[in-house]
N, C-alpha and C. Protein backbone atom coordinates (compact mmCIF):
# COMPACT_ATOMS: atom_id res chain seq x y z
N MET A 1 98.57 77.26 104.10
CA MET A 1 99.86 77.81 104.49
C MET A 1 100.78 76.67 104.90
N SER A 2 101.95 76.68 104.40
CA SER A 2 102.89 75.66 104.85
C SER A 2 103.49 76.09 106.19
N ARG A 3 104.14 75.17 106.84
CA ARG A 3 104.71 75.43 108.16
C ARG A 3 105.64 76.64 108.14
N ASN A 4 106.51 76.73 107.13
CA ASN A 4 107.46 77.85 107.08
C ASN A 4 106.75 79.18 106.86
N ILE A 5 105.71 79.16 106.06
CA ILE A 5 104.95 80.39 105.82
C ILE A 5 104.22 80.81 107.09
N ILE A 6 103.66 79.84 107.79
CA ILE A 6 102.97 80.14 109.04
C ILE A 6 103.95 80.75 110.05
N SER A 7 105.09 80.13 110.21
CA SER A 7 106.09 80.61 111.17
C SER A 7 106.58 82.01 110.82
N SER A 8 106.96 82.20 109.58
CA SER A 8 107.52 83.50 109.18
C SER A 8 106.45 84.59 109.19
N THR A 9 105.23 84.25 108.78
CA THR A 9 104.15 85.23 108.79
C THR A 9 103.82 85.65 110.21
N LEU A 10 103.72 84.69 111.10
CA LEU A 10 103.41 85.02 112.49
C LEU A 10 104.49 85.91 113.10
N LYS A 11 105.73 85.57 112.88
CA LYS A 11 106.82 86.36 113.45
C LYS A 11 106.81 87.79 112.89
N ALA A 12 106.56 87.91 111.58
CA ALA A 12 106.51 89.23 110.96
C ALA A 12 105.35 90.06 111.51
N LEU A 13 104.18 89.43 111.66
CA LEU A 13 103.02 90.14 112.20
C LEU A 13 103.27 90.57 113.64
N ARG A 14 103.87 89.69 114.41
CA ARG A 14 104.15 90.02 115.81
C ARG A 14 105.09 91.22 115.90
N LYS A 15 106.12 91.21 115.08
CA LYS A 15 107.08 92.32 115.11
C LYS A 15 106.47 93.60 114.56
N GLU A 16 105.66 93.47 113.52
CA GLU A 16 104.98 94.63 112.93
C GLU A 16 104.08 95.32 113.97
N HIS A 17 103.46 94.53 114.81
CA HIS A 17 102.59 95.07 115.86
C HIS A 17 103.33 95.34 117.17
N ARG A 18 104.64 95.21 117.11
CA ARG A 18 105.53 95.49 118.25
C ARG A 18 105.12 94.72 119.50
N LEU A 19 104.90 93.43 119.31
CA LEU A 19 104.55 92.55 120.42
C LEU A 19 105.72 91.62 120.72
N THR A 20 105.93 91.36 121.98
CA THR A 20 106.87 90.31 122.35
C THR A 20 106.13 88.98 122.25
N GLN A 21 106.86 87.90 122.36
CA GLN A 21 106.21 86.60 122.37
C GLN A 21 105.29 86.48 123.58
N VAL A 22 105.69 87.05 124.70
CA VAL A 22 104.87 87.03 125.90
C VAL A 22 103.57 87.81 125.66
N ASP A 23 103.68 89.00 125.06
CA ASP A 23 102.50 89.80 124.74
C ASP A 23 101.54 89.02 123.84
N LEU A 24 102.10 88.41 122.80
CA LEU A 24 101.27 87.66 121.86
C LEU A 24 100.56 86.51 122.55
N ALA A 25 101.26 85.79 123.37
CA ALA A 25 100.65 84.67 124.09
C ALA A 25 99.49 85.16 124.95
N MET A 26 99.72 86.23 125.69
CA MET A 26 98.67 86.74 126.58
C MET A 26 97.47 87.27 125.80
N LYS A 27 97.72 88.04 124.76
CA LYS A 27 96.62 88.65 123.98
C LYS A 27 95.82 87.62 123.21
N SER A 28 96.46 86.55 122.76
CA SER A 28 95.75 85.55 121.96
C SER A 28 95.20 84.40 122.80
N GLY A 29 95.61 84.33 124.06
CA GLY A 29 95.08 83.30 124.95
C GLY A 29 95.72 81.93 124.82
N VAL A 30 96.95 81.91 124.35
CA VAL A 30 97.68 80.64 124.27
C VAL A 30 98.92 80.75 125.14
N GLY A 31 99.60 79.65 125.35
CA GLY A 31 100.79 79.65 126.18
C GLY A 31 102.02 80.17 125.46
N LEU A 32 102.95 80.68 126.23
CA LEU A 32 104.20 81.19 125.68
C LEU A 32 104.97 80.10 124.93
N ASN A 33 105.02 78.90 125.48
CA ASN A 33 105.73 77.81 124.79
C ASN A 33 105.10 77.53 123.43
N PHE A 34 103.77 77.62 123.35
CA PHE A 34 103.11 77.40 122.07
C PHE A 34 103.57 78.43 121.05
N VAL A 35 103.60 79.70 121.44
CA VAL A 35 104.04 80.77 120.52
C VAL A 35 105.48 80.51 120.07
N ARG A 36 106.34 80.17 121.01
CA ARG A 36 107.73 79.90 120.66
C ARG A 36 107.85 78.75 119.67
N GLU A 37 107.16 77.66 119.96
CA GLU A 37 107.21 76.49 119.07
C GLU A 37 106.63 76.80 117.70
N LEU A 38 105.57 77.57 117.67
CA LEU A 38 104.94 77.94 116.40
C LEU A 38 105.90 78.78 115.57
N GLU A 39 106.54 79.75 116.17
CA GLU A 39 107.49 80.58 115.43
C GLU A 39 108.72 79.79 114.99
N GLN A 40 109.06 78.74 115.70
CA GLN A 40 110.21 77.91 115.34
C GLN A 40 109.86 76.86 114.29
N GLY A 41 108.57 76.77 113.94
CA GLY A 41 108.16 75.84 112.90
C GLY A 41 107.92 74.42 113.36
N LYS A 42 107.58 74.25 114.62
CA LYS A 42 107.30 72.90 115.11
C LYS A 42 106.21 72.26 114.25
N THR A 43 106.41 71.01 113.90
CA THR A 43 105.51 70.34 112.95
C THR A 43 104.22 69.82 113.61
N THR A 44 104.21 69.67 114.91
CA THR A 44 103.02 69.16 115.57
C THR A 44 102.44 70.21 116.51
N VAL A 45 101.57 71.03 115.96
CA VAL A 45 100.89 72.05 116.75
C VAL A 45 99.38 71.91 116.54
N ARG A 46 98.62 72.36 117.49
CA ARG A 46 97.17 72.29 117.38
C ARG A 46 96.67 73.40 116.46
N MET A 47 95.97 73.00 115.41
CA MET A 47 95.50 73.97 114.43
C MET A 47 94.49 74.95 115.01
N ASP A 48 93.70 74.52 116.00
CA ASP A 48 92.75 75.46 116.60
C ASP A 48 93.49 76.59 117.31
N LYS A 49 94.62 76.27 117.92
CA LYS A 49 95.41 77.30 118.59
C LYS A 49 96.12 78.19 117.58
N VAL A 50 96.57 77.60 116.48
CA VAL A 50 97.19 78.40 115.42
C VAL A 50 96.17 79.41 114.90
N ALA A 51 94.96 78.95 114.65
CA ALA A 51 93.89 79.84 114.18
C ALA A 51 93.59 80.92 115.21
N GLN A 52 93.62 80.56 116.47
CA GLN A 52 93.35 81.50 117.56
C GLN A 52 94.40 82.63 117.57
N VAL A 53 95.66 82.28 117.36
CA VAL A 53 96.72 83.28 117.34
C VAL A 53 96.57 84.20 116.13
N PHE A 54 96.33 83.62 114.96
CA PHE A 54 96.21 84.42 113.74
C PHE A 54 94.95 85.29 113.76
N ASP A 55 93.92 84.86 114.46
CA ASP A 55 92.69 85.64 114.56
C ASP A 55 92.96 87.00 115.20
N LEU A 56 93.92 87.07 116.09
CA LEU A 56 94.29 88.33 116.72
C LEU A 56 94.67 89.39 115.69
N PHE A 57 95.25 88.95 114.57
CA PHE A 57 95.69 89.86 113.51
C PHE A 57 94.69 89.94 112.35
N GLY A 58 93.54 89.29 112.49
CA GLY A 58 92.54 89.32 111.43
C GLY A 58 92.82 88.35 110.29
N TYR A 59 93.59 87.32 110.57
CA TYR A 59 93.91 86.30 109.56
C TYR A 59 93.13 85.03 109.88
N GLU A 60 92.91 84.22 108.85
CA GLU A 60 92.30 82.91 109.07
C GLU A 60 93.05 81.87 108.25
N LEU A 61 93.01 80.64 108.72
CA LEU A 61 93.65 79.54 108.01
C LEU A 61 92.61 78.90 107.10
N VAL A 62 92.99 78.69 105.87
CA VAL A 62 92.07 78.07 104.91
C VAL A 62 92.78 76.98 104.15
N PRO A 63 92.06 75.93 103.77
CA PRO A 63 92.71 74.89 102.95
C PRO A 63 92.99 75.47 101.55
N GLN A 64 94.14 75.12 101.05
CA GLN A 64 94.55 75.62 99.75
C GLN A 64 95.28 74.53 99.00
N LYS A 65 95.01 74.41 97.73
CA LYS A 65 95.68 73.42 96.91
C LYS A 65 97.16 73.76 96.81
N LYS A 66 98.00 72.73 96.88
CA LYS A 66 99.45 72.93 96.78
C LYS A 66 99.82 73.48 95.41
N VAL A 67 100.77 74.38 95.42
CA VAL A 67 101.32 74.91 94.19
C VAL A 67 102.59 74.13 93.90
N LYS A 68 102.67 73.56 92.71
CA LYS A 68 103.84 72.75 92.35
C LYS A 68 104.80 73.50 91.49
């Protein structure tokens, strides 16, 4: 997943499940600032925490070959 896909997917999932950023942070066990930065597409985030947030929705991060 590229950064933009991660950001947009997370935001869409959060809204689909009617969660605020605060709710998402609490339920996934990460900080509110992390959720905000992740949704804004910050380029330097911890992948273990990204995986932890997506796990809440039943998603996992996997390596994928770039599509050109």
